[in-house]
Amino acid sequence: QMAPALKPPEPNELQSLTDEWRQQHKQLLDNAHRQQAAQAQLLQATADSTRAEQRHVESKEQAAEAQARFDTLNQAIGKDYQQLLLQSGQLKQQRDSLRVSIGEFNQSLQHLNGVLGTLTTTLEQVESDRQKAEEIRHRSHNKFKQLLIDRMTDDAQLDITLQGEAMTAVLGAARAVSQKLPELKADAKTIDEVRARQQEALHQANSQLGGHIDLDEHQGNDGWWILIANADGARLSISELSGVLADQLQAGRDELAADEEALFERTLAGSIRQSLASRIRQTSQLVDQINHQLETVRTAAGGVAVKLRWHVDEQQADAVQKARQLLLKDPAGLTPEERVSLQEFVRARVEQARLDLEANAPWQDRLRESLDYRVWHRFSLQISHRDWEGFKPATEKLMNRLSTGERSVVLHLPMLASIAAHYTSGNGKNTDQQDSKDHSPRLILLDELFAGVDKANRRQLFGTFSAWQLDAVFTSDHEWCDYDTLNGIAIHVLHPSTGDEPVTTTRFIWDGKTRLADNSQPVH
């Protein structure tokens, strides 16, 4: 049986198969090309991977070598390297701080530049003021020189001599005037007041001098008024007139010298009485001040207190006691008999002084001796104690009843109170009322301070220096003066010299609470 015969394809179908084959053939070729390219890339990647693996191995080897070198270097450098790193950090901080300081300095520089500008302006103003001052000084120089030429300093009784007319000489004369007249005011108000007083004094002087001396004034070229005196046809300056009148006054006193003693005995008994009574009262007030201060101190154990008594000496005649009473009595209340008795007493004292002194002694010396009221009076010490009532005279027997410390207190207290009263008696004020502007030292010096006095009584005695405002200098071989009653004192401890070395001291301060060394540290 025969196979059926193949039917030939159609032309269109053949074309279609041909196109399909071409496409498949092209795709096959493209696939072949991509496969070749992929194989080439695979080969290249394999080669790159091989090289990368080689480099990785090399890098690991290099890292191991670097780590080894680092470990070796680190071991070699050690702490010094760490210290360098630390110092490097500190230097960086300092650099940053310096940068901040530079900024601040720049700001300060800007401020100083502004201040400099202000000072420059001020300097220009000062220079202008200086020129004006030079002009004023020049005018003052000429004016003061003319004042010296017109002898105004002689009229003011100033012994000023102009050594030439140079600027230095005139300046020296002006300084001499300033030293002799330090409190003189020269403002317009004061000048007007002085001018008014001078006019009044000139009017009174012309009235009193009458026609013997005629005072006149004329105004100089520089504006001041110059006084001139016409005496017996002579034209004199005020200083020359003062010398003439002084000579005349001395001549008059010489003429009266012989009659002065008789004049005193006849007429001055009344005024002397007043002065003498005033002195006695002042002394009594001084004793009262002393006793007022002594009342504040009593010893701790026996309650010992002291006071002073100022009275007429018992050995004086009764007339002295009576005269003292009359001296202190109000002058308006004196009877004629009492006045005569008082005058006779003063005359008797003068006569006694005349007998005691040389026959040719001047009357002033006789008067001073006769009226020395201190000769009539005596001081006596009074003591109070818990064992007896009131104050008793400090006899030797009574003093022996006291302890050694109490006797020392009894002797020290009147001395300290007397000194305090002496310092305050000049202005009539007690210690509490002392003028706060008076800074004069109220000094007392004591050697071997308060020997034999116990600590409790020393505390009271030291308190008197603060209460009575005394400035004291003490010496003692054991006393530190650290009492709460003493408000402050400087203490110098003397150290003996060794060899050729001088005596040295260590200084401490007691401030009323704590004793401090010189470095202001507490001393224990």
Protein backbone atom coordinates (compact mmCIF):
# COMPACT_ATOMS: atom_id res chain seq x y z
CA GLN A 1 0.00 0.00 0.00
CA MET A 2 1.43 3.19 -1.00
CA ALA A 3 1.73 6.22 1.14
CA PRO A 4 -0.38 9.03 0.17
CA ALA A 5 1.42 11.66 -1.73
CA LEU A 6 2.49 14.87 0.31
CA LYS A 7 0.62 17.83 -0.52
CA PRO A 8 2.87 20.74 -1.27
CA PRO A 9 2.39 23.73 0.98
CA GLU A 10 0.76 26.80 -0.05
CA PRO A 11 2.87 29.83 -0.89
CA ASN A 12 1.55 31.88 1.97
CA GLU A 13 2.02 29.15 4.44
CA LEU A 14 5.58 28.68 3.26
CA GLN A 15 6.30 32.34 3.72
CA SER A 16 4.94 32.18 7.18
CA LEU A 17 7.06 29.18 8.09
CA THR A 18 10.09 30.88 6.66
CA ASP A 19 9.55 33.99 8.72
CA GLU A 20 9.02 31.95 11.84
CA TRP A 21 12.27 30.03 11.17
CA ARG A 22 14.17 33.25 10.71
CA GLN A 23 12.88 34.61 13.97
CA GLN A 24 13.73 31.43 15.82
CA HIS A 25 17.16 31.35 14.18
CA LYS A 26 17.77 34.99 15.17
CA GLN A 27 16.61 34.30 18.70
CA LEU A 28 18.90 31.31 18.83
CA LEU A 29 21.83 33.41 17.68
CA ASP A 30 20.96 36.08 20.27
CA ASN A 31 20.81 33.48 22.96
CA ALA A 32 24.16 32.14 21.87
CA HIS A 33 25.67 35.63 21.99
CA ARG A 34 24.21 36.27 25.47
CA GLN A 35 25.49 32.94 26.63
CA GLN A 36 28.96 33.81 25.38
CA ALA A 37 28.76 37.23 27.09
CA ALA A 38 27.54 35.61 30.32
CA GLN A 39 30.35 33.10 30.18
CA ALA A 40 32.83 35.97 29.64
CA GLN A 41 31.37 37.88 32.60
CA LEU A 42 31.48 34.71 34.69
CA LEU A 43 35.09 34.25 33.82
CA GLN A 44 35.78 37.92 34.63
CA ALA A 45 33.87 37.66 37.94
CA THR A 46 35.73 34.49 38.81
CA ALA A 47 39.03 36.23 38.08
CA ASP A 48 37.94 39.29 40.13
CA SER A 49 36.85 37.06 42.98
CA THR A 50 40.17 35.33 42.94
CA ARG A 51 42.03 38.63 42.98
CA ALA A 52 39.72 39.98 45.75
CA GLU A 53 40.36 36.88 47.80
CA GLN A 54 44.07 37.36 47.30
CA ARG A 55 43.80 41.02 48.32
CA HIS A 56 41.71 40.01 51.37
CA VAL A 57 44.39 37.59 52.41
CA GLU A 58 47.02 40.23 51.81
CA SER A 59 44.95 42.76 53.79
CA LYS A 60 44.61 40.35 56.71
CA GLU A 61 48.32 39.82 56.62
CA GLN A 62 48.93 43.58 56.48
CA ALA A 63 46.41 44.14 59.33
CA ALA A 64 48.16 41.51 61.40
CA GLU A 65 51.50 43.16 60.67
CA ALA A 66 50.03 46.63 61.51
CA GLN A 67 48.54 45.28 64.76
CA ALA A 68 51.85 43.76 65.63
CA ARG A 69 53.65 47.02 64.85
CA PHE A 70 50.99 48.93 66.88
CA ASP A 71 51.35 46.59 69.84
CA THR A 72 55.11 46.91 69.64
CA LEU A 73 54.92 50.71 69.29
CA ASN A 74 52.36 50.97 72.12
CA GLN A 75 54.55 48.90 74.38
CA ALA A 76 57.51 51.05 73.43
CA ILE A 77 55.68 54.37 73.98
CA GLY A 78 53.64 53.35 77.07
CA LYS A 79 52.52 55.97 79.57
CA ASP A 80 54.50 58.79 77.96
CA TYR A 81 52.28 58.62 74.95
CA GLN A 82 49.15 58.72 77.11
CA GLN A 83 50.62 61.65 79.00
CA LEU A 84 51.24 63.44 75.72
CA LEU A 85 47.66 62.86 74.72
CA LEU A 86 46.48 64.27 78.08
CA GLN A 87 48.76 67.30 77.78
CA SER A 88 47.57 67.78 74.24
CA GLY A 89 43.97 67.92 75.50
CA GLN A 90 44.92 70.38 78.24
CA LEU A 91 46.74 72.58 75.75
CA LYS A 92 43.65 72.58 73.57
CA GLN A 93 41.59 73.72 76.56
CA GLN A 94 44.15 76.44 77.31
CA ARG A 95 44.06 77.49 73.66
CA ASP A 96 40.28 77.77 73.85
CA SER A 97 40.54 79.74 77.12
CA LEU A 98 43.13 82.07 75.59
CA ARG A 99 40.86 82.65 72.65
CA VAL A 100 38.13 83.71 75.09
CA SER A 101 40.62 85.96 76.94
CA ILE A 102 41.71 87.52 73.66
CA GLY A 103 38.08 88.34 72.97
CA GLU A 104 37.71 89.91 76.40
CA PHE A 105 40.96 91.83 75.93
CA ASN A 106 39.71 93.13 72.64
CA GLN A 107 36.55 94.35 74.37
CA SER A 108 38.68 95.97 77.10
CA LEU A 109 40.84 97.57 74.44
CA GLN A 110 37.77 99.07 72.83
CA HIS A 111 36.66 100.38 76.27
CA LEU A 112 40.12 101.80 76.95
CA ASN A 113 40.13 103.50 73.60
CA GLY A 114 36.89 105.18 74.63
CA VAL A 115 38.41 106.16 78.00
CA LEU A 116 41.48 107.45 76.20
CA GLY A 117 39.30 109.68 74.11
CA THR A 118 37.57 110.99 77.22
CA LEU A 119 40.93 111.59 78.93
CA THR A 120 42.22 113.38 75.90
CA THR A 121 39.25 115.73 76.09
CA THR A 122 39.80 116.14 79.83
CA LEU A 123 43.50 116.85 79.24
CA GLU A 124 42.62 119.59 76.83
CA GLN A 125 40.25 121.08 79.44
CA VAL A 126 42.92 120.79 82.14
CA GLU A 127 45.45 122.50 79.92
CA SER A 128 42.99 125.33 79.40
CA ASP A 129 42.41 125.52 83.16
CA ARG A 130 46.16 125.52 83.73
CA GLN A 131 46.61 128.50 81.48
CA LYS A 132 43.87 130.33 83.37
CA ALA A 133 45.53 129.37 86.67
CA GLU A 134 48.83 130.73 85.39
CA GLU A 135 47.16 134.03 84.68
CA ILE A 136 45.57 134.08 88.15
CA ARG A 137 48.90 133.21 89.77
CA HIS A 138 50.63 136.00 87.90
CA ARG A 139 48.02 138.52 89.09
CA SER A 140 48.21 137.15 92.64
CA HIS A 141 52.00 137.37 92.56
CA ASN A 142 51.94 141.03 91.64
CA LYS A 143 49.18 141.79 94.13
CA PHE A 144 50.92 140.03 97.03
CA LYS A 145 54.21 141.72 96.19
CA GLN A 146 52.48 145.09 96.32
CA LEU A 147 50.94 144.09 99.67
CA LEU A 148 54.43 143.52 101.05
CA ILE A 149 55.62 146.83 99.60
CA ASP A 150 52.72 148.59 101.33
CA ARG A 151 53.83 146.93 104.63
CA MET A 152 50.47 145.28 105.23
CA THR A 153 52.24 142.30 106.89
CA ASP A 154 53.88 144.70 109.34
CA ASP A 155 50.45 146.10 110.25
CA ALA A 156 49.29 142.51 110.90
CA GLN A 157 52.34 142.01 113.15
CA LEU A 158 53.80 139.35 110.87
CA ASP A 159 57.58 139.23 110.68
CA ILE A 160 57.82 138.63 106.93
CA THR A 161 60.85 139.74 104.90
CA LEU A 162 60.81 139.65 101.11
CA GLN A 163 64.14 138.30 99.83
CA GLY A 164 64.10 139.85 96.36
CA GLU A 165 61.21 140.15 93.92
CA ALA A 166 61.59 136.84 92.08
CA MET A 167 58.71 134.40 91.87
CA THR A 168 60.37 132.02 94.37
CA ALA A 169 60.95 134.77 96.94
CA VAL A 170 57.36 135.99 96.76
CA LEU A 171 56.08 132.41 96.98
CA GLY A 172 58.22 131.82 100.09
CA ALA A 173 56.80 134.94 101.73
CA ALA A 174 53.24 133.84 100.89
CA ARG A 175 53.85 130.43 102.46
CA ALA A 176 55.21 132.08 105.59
CA VAL A 177 52.02 134.15 105.86
CA SER A 178 49.89 131.02 105.35
CA GLN A 179 51.73 129.22 108.16
CA LYS A 180 51.28 132.11 110.58
CA LEU A 181 47.62 132.63 109.63
CA PRO A 182 46.38 129.05 108.93
CA GLU A 183 42.75 129.71 109.96
CA LEU A 184 42.32 133.00 108.11
CA LYS A 185 39.28 133.16 105.82
CA ALA A 186 39.28 135.32 102.69
CA ASP A 187 35.80 134.91 101.20
CA ALA A 188 33.75 137.98 100.30
CA LYS A 189 31.40 137.64 103.29
CA THR A 190 34.27 137.42 105.77
CA ILE A 191 36.02 140.39 104.18
CA ASP A 192 32.85 142.47 104.46
CA GLU A 193 32.45 141.49 108.12
CA VAL A 194 36.09 142.31 108.88
CA ARG A 195 35.77 145.59 107.03
CA ALA A 196 32.75 146.51 109.15
CA ARG A 197 34.56 145.62 112.39
CA GLN A 198 37.62 147.55 111.24
CA GLN A 199 35.53 150.64 110.59
CA GLU A 200 33.97 150.37 114.04
CA ALA A 201 37.38 149.84 115.67
CA LEU A 202 38.82 152.78 113.74
CA HIS A 203 35.99 155.02 114.94
CA GLN A 204 36.47 153.93 118.56
CA ALA A 205 40.25 154.32 118.35
CA ASN A 206 39.95 157.88 117.03
CA SER A 207 37.47 158.66 119.80
CA GLN A 208 39.75 157.25 122.51
CA LEU A 209 43.00 158.66 121.18
CA GLY A 210 41.52 162.16 120.92
CA GLY A 211 43.72 164.77 119.28
CA HIS A 212 46.98 163.08 120.30
CA ILE A 213 46.91 160.54 117.47
CA ASP A 214 44.80 160.73 114.32
CA LEU A 215 44.10 157.55 112.35
CA ASP A 216 43.26 157.76 108.66
CA GLU A 217 42.97 155.34 105.77
CA HIS A 218 43.30 155.46 102.02
CA GLN A 219 42.67 152.88 99.34
CA GLY A 220 45.67 151.53 97.45
CA ASN A 221 45.89 150.64 93.77
CA ASP A 222 45.06 146.98 94.45
CA GLY A 223 41.83 147.68 96.31
CA TRP A 224 42.79 147.26 99.98
CA TRP A 225 42.67 149.97 102.58
CA ILE A 226 45.91 151.18 104.21
CA LEU A 227 45.82 152.70 107.71
CA ILE A 228 48.07 155.65 108.49
CA ALA A 229 48.60 157.34 111.87
CA ASN A 230 49.52 160.96 112.40
CA ALA A 231 51.19 161.34 115.79
CA ASP A 232 52.73 164.64 116.84
CA GLY A 233 53.24 165.65 113.23
CA ALA A 234 54.86 162.34 112.27
CA ARG A 235 53.26 160.05 109.71
CA LEU A 236 53.50 156.44 110.94
CA SER A 237 52.29 153.05 109.79
CA ILE A 238 50.15 151.02 112.16
CA SER A 239 53.06 148.73 113.03
CA GLU A 240 55.25 151.72 113.83
CA LEU A 241 52.46 153.22 115.92
CA SER A 242 52.09 149.91 117.77
CA GLY A 243 55.79 149.99 118.66
CA VAL A 244 55.58 153.58 119.88
CA LEU A 245 52.53 152.82 122.04
CA ALA A 246 54.17 149.64 123.40
CA ASP A 247 57.18 151.65 124.50
CA GLN A 248 54.91 154.17 126.17
CA LEU A 249 52.94 151.39 127.89
CA GLN A 250 56.11 149.78 129.23
CA ALA A 251 57.27 153.13 130.55
CA GLY A 252 53.94 153.51 132.34
CA ARG A 253 54.24 150.04 133.86
CA ASP A 254 57.73 150.80 135.09
CA GLU A 255 56.41 153.90 136.84
CA LEU A 256 53.72 151.83 138.61
CA ALA A 257 56.01 148.94 139.65
CA ALA A 258 56.86 150.46 143.02
CA ASP A 259 53.19 150.90 143.98
CA GLU A 260 51.87 147.48 142.82
CA GLU A 261 52.30 145.71 146.15
CA ALA A 262 50.48 148.40 148.14
CA LEU A 263 47.76 148.47 145.48
CA PHE A 264 47.22 144.72 145.89
CA GLU A 265 47.01 144.84 149.68
CA ARG A 266 44.49 147.70 149.56
CA THR A 267 42.17 146.70 146.74
CA LEU A 268 42.72 143.18 145.36
CA ALA A 269 41.70 141.05 148.32
CA GLY A 270 38.13 140.72 146.98
CA SER A 271 39.07 139.47 143.50
CA ILE A 272 41.68 137.12 144.89
CA ARG A 273 39.09 135.64 147.20
CA GLN A 274 36.90 134.81 144.23
CA SER A 275 39.77 133.13 142.36
CA LEU A 276 40.83 131.17 145.43
CA ALA A 277 37.28 129.99 146.12
CA SER A 278 36.97 128.89 142.49
CA ARG A 279 40.14 126.80 142.79
CA ILE A 280 38.94 125.12 145.98
CA ARG A 281 35.58 124.31 144.38
CA GLN A 282 37.30 122.89 141.30
CA THR A 283 39.46 120.65 143.47
CA SER A 284 36.41 119.51 145.42
CA GLN A 285 34.67 118.68 142.14
CA LEU A 286 37.74 116.76 141.02
CA VAL A 287 37.67 114.70 144.23
CA ASP A 288 33.96 114.08 143.70
CA GLN A 289 34.70 112.80 140.19
CA ILE A 290 37.34 110.46 141.57
CA ASN A 291 34.97 109.10 144.20
CA HIS A 292 32.21 108.71 141.62
CA GLN A 293 34.53 106.49 139.60
CA LEU A 294 35.68 104.56 142.69
CA GLU A 295 32.10 103.69 143.63
CA THR A 296 31.88 101.27 140.69
CA VAL A 297 34.62 98.91 141.97
CA ARG A 298 34.50 96.52 144.94
CA THR A 299 36.72 93.50 145.56
CA ALA A 300 35.17 90.11 144.96
CA ALA A 301 35.82 88.49 148.34
CA GLY A 302 35.64 91.19 151.04
CA GLY A 303 33.71 93.82 149.12
CA VAL A 304 36.48 96.36 149.79
CA ALA A 305 35.82 99.83 148.39
CA VAL A 306 37.83 103.05 148.68
CA LYS A 307 37.27 106.79 148.40
CA LEU A 308 39.29 109.96 148.89
CA ARG A 309 38.67 112.74 151.41
CA TRP A 310 40.08 116.22 150.79
CA HIS A 311 39.92 118.43 153.85
CA VAL A 312 41.74 121.12 155.81
CA ASP A 313 44.78 119.77 157.61
CA GLU A 314 44.03 119.21 161.31
CA GLN A 315 47.34 120.88 162.18
CA GLN A 316 46.18 124.18 160.67
CA ALA A 317 44.76 126.86 162.94
CA ASP A 318 41.03 127.26 163.40
CA ALA A 319 41.25 130.54 161.47
CA VAL A 320 42.18 128.57 158.36
CA GLN A 321 39.10 126.34 158.66
CA LYS A 322 36.91 129.40 159.18
CA ALA A 323 38.52 131.23 156.24
CA ARG A 324 37.89 128.24 153.97
CA GLN A 325 34.20 128.33 154.84
CA LEU A 326 34.07 132.06 154.08
CA LEU A 327 35.86 131.57 150.74
CA LEU A 328 33.22 129.07 149.64
CA LYS A 329 30.33 131.19 150.81
CA ASP A 330 28.31 133.30 148.35
CA PRO A 331 29.97 136.75 148.30
CA ALA A 332 26.55 138.43 148.36
CA GLY A 333 25.81 136.71 151.67
CA LEU A 334 28.95 137.83 153.49
CA THR A 335 28.43 140.16 156.42
CA PRO A 336 30.77 143.16 156.82
CA GLU A 337 32.47 141.37 159.71
CA GLU A 338 33.01 138.24 157.61
CA ARG A 339 34.36 140.30 154.70
CA VAL A 340 36.85 142.07 157.01
CA SER A 341 37.85 138.72 158.52
CA LEU A 342 38.49 137.25 155.10
CA GLN A 343 40.60 140.21 153.99
CA GLU A 344 42.63 140.03 157.20
CA PHE A 345 43.20 136.33 156.58
CA VAL A 346 44.54 136.99 153.07
CA ARG A 347 46.78 139.78 154.37
CA ALA A 348 48.06 137.49 157.09
CA ARG A 349 48.91 134.83 154.54
CA VAL A 350 50.79 137.40 152.44
CA GLU A 351 52.71 138.55 155.51
CA GLN A 352 53.61 134.93 156.39
CA ALA A 353 54.81 134.35 152.82
CA ARG A 354 56.92 137.51 153.05
CA LEU A 355 58.64 136.08 156.12
CA ASP A 356 59.17 132.68 154.50
CA LEU A 357 60.58 134.08 151.24
CA GLU A 358 63.56 136.27 150.65
CA ALA A 359 63.12 139.89 151.60
CA ASN A 360 63.67 141.07 148.02
CA ALA A 361 61.33 138.49 146.43
CA PRO A 362 58.86 140.10 144.03
CA TRP A 363 55.28 140.46 145.18
CA GLN A 364 54.09 137.94 142.59
CA ASP A 365 56.11 135.19 144.31
CA ARG A 366 54.83 136.21 147.75
CA LEU A 367 51.26 136.23 146.47
CA ARG A 368 51.65 132.78 144.88
CA GLU A 369 53.08 131.31 148.09
CA SER A 370 50.48 132.89 150.35
CA LEU A 371 47.53 131.68 148.28
CA ASP A 372 48.77 128.11 147.72
CA TYR A 373 45.64 126.50 149.15
CA ARG A 374 47.17 123.05 148.74
CA VAL A 375 49.35 123.73 151.79
CA TRP A 376 46.22 124.01 153.96
CA HIS A 377 44.67 120.76 152.80
CA ARG A 378 45.38 117.05 153.04
CA PHE A 379 44.18 113.96 151.20
CA SER A 380 43.17 110.93 153.24
CA LEU A 381 42.15 107.46 152.10
CA GLN A 382 38.87 105.96 153.31
CA ILE A 383 38.15 102.19 153.24
CA SER A 384 34.90 100.22 153.33
CA HIS A 385 34.65 96.47 154.10
CA ARG A 386 31.91 93.92 154.69
CA ASP A 387 33.25 93.44 158.25
CA TRP A 388 32.39 97.00 159.33
CA GLU A 389 29.88 99.72 158.53
CA GLY A 390 30.65 102.73 156.37
CA PHE A 391 34.06 104.13 155.41
CA LYS A 392 36.93 104.39 157.86
CA PRO A 393 40.33 106.11 157.59
CA ALA A 394 42.96 103.85 156.06
CA THR A 395 45.20 103.57 159.11
CA GLU A 396 48.08 101.15 159.27
CA LYS A 397 46.16 98.95 161.70
CA LEU A 398 43.13 98.84 159.41
CA MET A 399 45.23 98.13 156.34
CA ASN A 400 46.82 95.14 158.11
CA ARG A 401 43.38 93.56 158.40
CA LEU A 402 43.18 93.33 154.61
CA SER A 403 44.71 90.63 152.46
CA THR A 404 47.73 91.35 150.29
CA GLY A 405 45.56 91.54 147.17
CA GLU A 406 43.03 93.83 148.85
CA ARG A 407 45.78 96.19 150.02
CA SER A 408 47.09 96.28 146.44
CA VAL A 409 43.59 97.11 145.15
CA VAL A 410 43.19 99.84 147.80
CA LEU A 411 46.46 101.43 146.67
CA HIS A 412 45.86 101.06 142.93
CA LEU A 413 42.25 102.26 142.69
CA PRO A 414 42.77 105.86 143.95
CA MET A 415 45.78 106.23 141.70
CA LEU A 416 43.89 105.08 138.58
CA ALA A 417 40.79 107.14 139.41
CA SER A 418 42.90 110.23 140.11
CA ILE A 419 44.63 109.92 136.76
CA ALA A 420 41.31 109.45 134.94
CA ALA A 421 39.83 112.47 136.74
CA HIS A 422 42.94 114.50 135.94
CA TYR A 423 42.54 113.77 132.23
CA THR A 424 38.84 114.73 132.23
CA SER A 425 38.99 117.73 134.57
CA GLY A 426 40.39 120.05 131.89
CA ASN A 427 37.09 120.23 129.95
CA GLY A 428 34.81 119.94 132.96
CA LYS A 429 33.30 116.66 131.79
CA ASN A 430 33.21 113.25 133.36
CA THR A 431 34.47 110.14 131.63
CA ASP A 432 31.07 109.28 130.13
CA GLN A 433 30.70 112.77 128.68
CA GLN A 434 34.12 113.11 127.16
CA ASP A 435 34.19 114.86 123.82
CA SER A 436 34.17 112.22 121.10
CA LYS A 437 36.42 114.44 118.96
CA ASP A 438 39.16 114.41 121.61
CA HIS A 439 41.56 111.66 120.53
CA SER A 440 44.44 112.67 122.78
CA PRO A 441 46.04 109.72 124.62
CA ARG A 442 45.13 109.35 128.31
CA LEU A 443 48.36 107.59 129.17
CA ILE A 444 49.34 105.65 132.29
CA LEU A 445 52.46 103.47 132.69
CA LEU A 446 52.63 100.64 135.27
CA ASP A 447 55.57 98.37 136.11
CA GLU A 448 55.02 94.84 137.56
CA LEU A 449 51.29 95.13 137.06
CA PHE A 450 48.94 94.43 140.02
CA ALA A 451 51.35 92.22 141.96
CA GLY A 452 49.60 90.03 144.54
CA VAL A 453 46.07 90.63 143.21
CA ASP A 454 43.94 87.56 142.43
CA LYS A 455 42.32 87.00 139.02
CA ALA A 456 38.79 88.10 140.04
CA ASN A 457 40.02 91.44 141.36
CA ARG A 458 42.41 91.85 138.44
CA ARG A 459 39.39 91.53 136.18
CA GLN A 460 37.76 94.50 137.94
CA LEU A 461 40.96 96.57 137.92
CA PHE A 462 41.43 95.96 134.21
CA GLY A 463 37.82 96.98 133.67
CA THR A 464 38.63 100.45 135.02
CA PHE A 465 40.96 101.10 132.07
CA SER A 466 38.07 100.55 129.65
CA ALA A 467 35.44 102.29 131.80
CA TRP A 468 37.66 105.32 132.49
CA GLN A 469 39.12 105.38 128.95
CA LEU A 470 42.76 105.15 129.99
CA ASP A 471 45.53 104.28 127.52
CA ALA A 472 47.91 102.08 129.49
CA VAL A 473 51.38 100.59 129.04
CA PHE A 474 52.09 97.63 131.35
CA THR A 475 55.06 95.42 132.13
CA SER A 476 54.61 91.98 133.65
CA ASP A 477 56.35 88.61 133.65
CA HIS A 478 53.11 86.60 133.61
CA GLU A 479 50.08 88.79 132.78
CA TRP A 480 48.25 88.26 129.44
CA CYS A 481 45.50 90.86 130.11
CA ASP A 482 42.85 88.52 128.64
CA TYR A 483 39.86 89.75 130.69
CA ASP A 484 36.41 90.34 129.27
CA THR A 485 36.28 93.71 131.07
CA LEU A 486 39.22 95.01 128.98
CA ASN A 487 38.05 96.01 125.51
CA GLY A 488 41.40 95.69 123.77
CA ILE A 489 45.17 95.70 124.21
CA ALA A 490 48.32 94.80 122.25
CA ILE A 491 50.66 92.30 123.95
CA HIS A 492 54.37 92.04 123.16
CA VAL A 493 56.20 88.98 124.50
CA LEU A 494 59.95 89.68 124.79
CA HIS A 495 62.40 86.91 123.85
CA PRO A 496 65.89 87.17 125.40
CA SER A 497 68.81 87.73 123.09
CA THR A 498 71.17 84.90 122.23
CA GLY A 499 74.77 85.74 121.48
CA ASP A 500 74.97 88.92 119.43
CA GLU A 501 71.29 88.75 118.44
CA PRO A 502 69.00 91.53 119.70
CA VAL A 503 65.94 91.08 121.88
CA THR A 504 62.95 90.07 119.74
CA THR A 505 59.21 90.20 120.36
CA THR A 506 56.09 88.27 119.43
CA ARG A 507 52.95 90.37 119.13
CA PHE A 508 49.44 89.36 120.23
CA ILE A 509 46.15 91.25 120.37
CA TRP A 510 43.33 90.91 122.91
CA ASP A 511 40.08 92.20 121.33
CA GLY A 512 37.90 91.81 124.42
CA LYS A 513 36.95 88.20 123.59
CA THR A 514 39.86 86.38 121.98
CA ARG A 515 43.65 86.58 122.09
CA LEU A 516 45.00 86.64 118.54
CA ALA A 517 48.54 86.20 117.26
CA ASP A 518 50.05 88.63 114.80
CA ASN A 519 48.67 86.54 111.90
CA SER A 520 45.15 87.00 113.34
CA GLN A 521 44.87 83.29 114.27
CA PRO A 522 43.44 82.32 117.72
CA VAL A 523 46.08 81.33 120.27
CA HIS A 524 45.28 78.41 122.58
